[in-house]
């Protein structure tokens, strides 16, 4: 049952993104930013953790999870470092993903030739 809930959650997130893309003038970048902010807002009120508990790993795959990770790192760091944790904790949980994105983008740019 957990696999079905996980699959449905990812499908619903993708369906919402497709509906927004089809019915508005938003670009994919706008939608990505919107979902990152939504994940961050849901984590601020501890809702995203409940979604992860109910849905499982499927909640960790969509872009909303990135906003959740950013906010989760900040909240954890502010408990330890106070006000300075706002600036120190943002990339604690996301550093490996950001590094991988930069590294793979560089490698793929060397391997593939872009079309004009």
C-alpha atoms as a PDB file:
ATOM      1  CA  UNK A   1       0.000   0.000   0.000  1.00  0.00           C
ATOM      2  CA  UNK A   2       2.901   2.330   0.712  1.00  0.00           C
ATOM      3  CA  UNK A   3       4.124   1.952  -2.870  1.00  0.00           C
ATOM      4  CA  UNK A   4       0.714   2.923  -4.208  1.00  0.00           C
ATOM      5  CA  UNK A   5       0.520   6.017  -1.982  1.00  0.00           C
ATOM      6  CA  UNK A   6       4.053   6.966  -2.995  1.00  0.00           C
ATOM      7  CA  UNK A   7       3.244   6.559  -6.694  1.00  0.00           C
ATOM      8  CA  UNK A   8       0.015   8.525  -6.366  1.00  0.00           C
ATOM      9  CA  UNK A   9       1.693  11.390  -4.505  1.00  0.00           C
ATOM     10  CA  UNK A  10       4.338  11.808  -7.206  1.00  0.00           C
ATOM     11  CA  UNK A  11       1.666  11.535  -9.891  1.00  0.00           C
ATOM     12  CA  UNK A  12      -0.490  14.183  -8.244  1.00  0.00           C
ATOM     13  CA  UNK A  13       2.454  16.569  -7.932  1.00  0.00           C
ATOM     14  CA  UNK A  14       3.266  16.049 -11.613  1.00  0.00           C
ATOM     15  CA  UNK A  15      -0.387  16.452 -12.621  1.00  0.00           C
ATOM     16  CA  UNK A  16      -0.624  19.737 -10.710  1.00  0.00           C
ATOM     17  CA  UNK A  17       2.521  20.970 -12.429  1.00  0.00           C
ATOM     18  CA  UNK A  18       1.138  19.989 -15.843  1.00  0.00           C
ATOM     19  CA  UNK A  19      -2.181  21.718 -15.163  1.00  0.00           C
ATOM     20  CA  UNK A  20      -0.367  24.901 -14.108  1.00  0.00           C
ATOM     21  CA  UNK A  21       1.860  24.688 -17.182  1.00  0.00           C
ATOM     22  CA  UNK A  22      -1.113  24.215 -19.528  1.00  0.00           C
ATOM     23  CA  UNK A  23      -3.438  26.846 -18.056  1.00  0.00           C
ATOM     24  CA  UNK A  24      -1.065  29.698 -17.196  1.00  0.00           C
ATOM     25  CA  UNK A  25       1.826  31.545 -18.770  1.00  0.00           C
ATOM     26  CA  UNK A  26       4.239  30.170 -16.180  1.00  0.00           C
ATOM     27  CA  UNK A  27       7.477  28.689 -17.447  1.00  0.00           C
ATOM     28  CA  UNK A  28       8.908  25.449 -16.053  1.00  0.00           C
ATOM     29  CA  UNK A  29      11.271  27.600 -13.967  1.00  0.00           C
ATOM     30  CA  UNK A  30       8.323  29.390 -12.378  1.00  0.00           C
ATOM     31  CA  UNK A  31       6.654  26.094 -11.535  1.00  0.00           C
ATOM     32  CA  UNK A  32       9.856  24.681 -10.082  1.00  0.00           C
ATOM     33  CA  UNK A  33      10.264  27.738  -7.870  1.00  0.00           C
ATOM     34  CA  UNK A  34       6.622  27.538  -6.842  1.00  0.00           C
ATOM     35  CA  UNK A  35       6.989  23.914  -5.750  1.00  0.00           C
ATOM     36  CA  UNK A  36      10.223  24.597  -3.842  1.00  0.00           C
ATOM     37  CA  UNK A  37       8.481  27.392  -1.939  1.00  0.00           C
ATOM     38  CA  UNK A  38       5.440  25.160  -1.346  1.00  0.00           C
ATOM     39  CA  UNK A  39       7.649  22.403   0.079  1.00  0.00           C
ATOM     40  CA  UNK A  40       9.392  24.943   2.267  1.00  0.00           C
ATOM     41  CA  UNK A  41       6.100  26.345   3.531  1.00  0.00           C
ATOM     42  CA  UNK A  42       4.756  22.875   4.273  1.00  0.00           C
ATOM     43  CA  UNK A  43       7.919  22.053   6.238  1.00  0.00           C
ATOM     44  CA  UNK A  44       7.706  25.313   8.188  1.00  0.00           C
ATOM     45  CA  UNK A  45       4.399  24.142   9.644  1.00  0.00           C
ATOM     46  CA  UNK A  46       5.605  20.503  10.041  1.00  0.00           C
ATOM     47  CA  UNK A  47       3.118  19.270   7.455  1.00  0.00           C
ATOM     48  CA  UNK A  48       5.684  17.846   5.029  1.00  0.00           C
ATOM     49  CA  UNK A  49       7.085  15.476   7.666  1.00  0.00           C
ATOM     50  CA  UNK A  50       3.581  14.055   8.133  1.00  0.00           C
ATOM     51  CA  UNK A  51       3.288  13.632   4.358  1.00  0.00           C
ATOM     52  CA  UNK A  52       6.618  11.762   4.311  1.00  0.00           C
ATOM     53  CA  UNK A  53       5.426   9.496   7.132  1.00  0.00           C
ATOM     54  CA  UNK A  54       2.207   8.675   5.278  1.00  0.00           C
ATOM     55  CA  UNK A  55       3.526   8.525   1.706  1.00  0.00           C
ATOM     56  CA  UNK A  56       7.057   7.266   2.298  1.00  0.00           C
ATOM     57  CA  UNK A  57       9.899   7.794  -0.139  1.00  0.00           C
ATOM     58  CA  UNK A  58       7.590   9.155  -2.820  1.00  0.00           C
ATOM     59  CA  UNK A  59       7.481  12.452  -0.940  1.00  0.00           C
ATOM     60  CA  UNK A  60      11.253  12.712  -1.168  1.00  0.00           C
ATOM     61  CA  UNK A  61      11.363  12.583  -4.976  1.00  0.00           C
ATOM     62  CA  UNK A  62       9.459  15.647  -6.261  1.00  0.00           C
ATOM     63  CA  UNK A  63      10.949  19.133  -6.264  1.00  0.00           C
ATOM     64  CA  UNK A  64       8.887  19.971  -3.185  1.00  0.00           C
ATOM     65  CA  UNK A  65      11.342  17.829  -1.250  1.00  0.00           C
ATOM     66  CA  UNK A  66      14.143  20.293  -2.047  1.00  0.00           C
ATOM     67  CA  UNK A  67      12.260  23.117  -0.319  1.00  0.00           C
ATOM     68  CA  UNK A  68      11.575  20.775   2.584  1.00  0.00           C
ATOM     69  CA  UNK A  69      15.292  19.950   2.880  1.00  0.00           C
ATOM     70  CA  UNK A  70      16.346  23.613   2.742  1.00  0.00           C
ATOM     71  CA  UNK A  71      13.916  24.619   5.487  1.00  0.00           C
ATOM     72  CA  UNK A  72      14.591  21.508   7.566  1.00  0.00           C
ATOM     73  CA  UNK A  73      18.325  22.289   7.555  1.00  0.00           C
ATOM     74  CA  UNK A  74      17.718  25.902   8.575  1.00  0.00           C
ATOM     75  CA  UNK A  75      15.383  24.950  11.410  1.00  0.00           C
ATOM     76  CA  UNK A  76      17.816  22.341  12.734  1.00  0.00           C
ATOM     77  CA  UNK A  77      20.763  24.737  12.506  1.00  0.00           C
ATOM     78  CA  UNK A  78      18.941  27.575  14.274  1.00  0.00           C
ATOM     79  CA  UNK A  79      18.316  25.287  17.233  1.00  0.00           C
ATOM     80  CA  UNK A  80      22.067  24.725  17.568  1.00  0.00           C
ATOM     81  CA  UNK A  81      23.565  28.037  16.366  1.00  0.00           C
ATOM     82  CA  UNK A  82      20.786  30.539  17.031  1.00  0.00           C
ATOM     83  CA  UNK A  83      20.363  33.410  14.565  1.00  0.00           C
ATOM     84  CA  UNK A  84      23.499  32.491  12.613  1.00  0.00           C
ATOM     85  CA  UNK A  85      21.899  29.130  11.861  1.00  0.00           C
ATOM     86  CA  UNK A  86      19.663  30.931   9.366  1.00  0.00           C
ATOM     87  CA  UNK A  87      22.698  31.432   7.166  1.00  0.00           C
ATOM     88  CA  UNK A  88      24.662  28.297   8.026  1.00  0.00           C
ATOM     89  CA  UNK A  89      22.044  25.564   7.830  1.00  0.00           C
ATOM     90  CA  UNK A  90      20.432  26.162   4.471  1.00  0.00           C
ATOM     91  CA  UNK A  91      22.768  23.961   2.471  1.00  0.00           C
ATOM     92  CA  UNK A  92      23.609  21.340   5.109  1.00  0.00           C
ATOM     93  CA  UNK A  93      21.079  18.817   3.824  1.00  0.00           C
ATOM     94  CA  UNK A  94      21.194  19.836   0.162  1.00  0.00           C
ATOM     95  CA  UNK A  95      24.914  20.248  -0.475  1.00  0.00           C
ATOM     96  CA  UNK A  96      25.388  16.777  -1.956  1.00  0.00           C
ATOM     97  CA  UNK A  97      22.461  17.205  -4.362  1.00  0.00           C
ATOM     98  CA  UNK A  98      23.629  20.628  -5.504  1.00  0.00           C
ATOM     99  CA  UNK A  99      27.182  19.365  -5.961  1.00  0.00           C
ATOM    100  CA  UNK A 100      25.967  16.366  -7.971  1.00  0.00           C
ATOM    101  CA  UNK A 101      23.842  18.613 -10.208  1.00  0.00           C
ATOM    102  CA  UNK A 102      26.794  20.893 -10.936  1.00  0.00           C
ATOM    103  CA  UNK A 103      29.187  17.997 -11.530  1.00  0.00           C
ATOM    104  CA  UNK A 104      26.860  16.042 -13.841  1.00  0.00           C
ATOM    105  CA  UNK A 105      25.905  19.197 -15.743  1.00  0.00           C
ATOM    106  CA  UNK A 106      29.569  19.873 -16.389  1.00  0.00           C
ATOM    107  CA  UNK A 107      30.245  16.294 -17.503  1.00  0.00           C
ATOM    108  CA  UNK A 108      27.210  16.230 -19.811  1.00  0.00           C
ATOM    109  CA  UNK A 109      28.188  19.582 -21.313  1.00  0.00           C
ATOM    110  CA  UNK A 110      31.542  18.047 -22.300  1.00  0.00           C
ATOM    111  CA  UNK A 111      29.993  14.886 -23.739  1.00  0.00           C
ATOM    112  CA  UNK A 112      26.970  16.223 -25.639  1.00  0.00           C
ATOM    113  CA  UNK A 113      26.752  18.993 -28.200  1.00  0.00           C
ATOM    114  CA  UNK A 114      23.715  21.269 -27.764  1.00  0.00           C
ATOM    115  CA  UNK A 115      21.304  21.803 -30.621  1.00  0.00           C
ATOM    116  CA  UNK A 116      20.662  25.360 -31.735  1.00  0.00           C
END
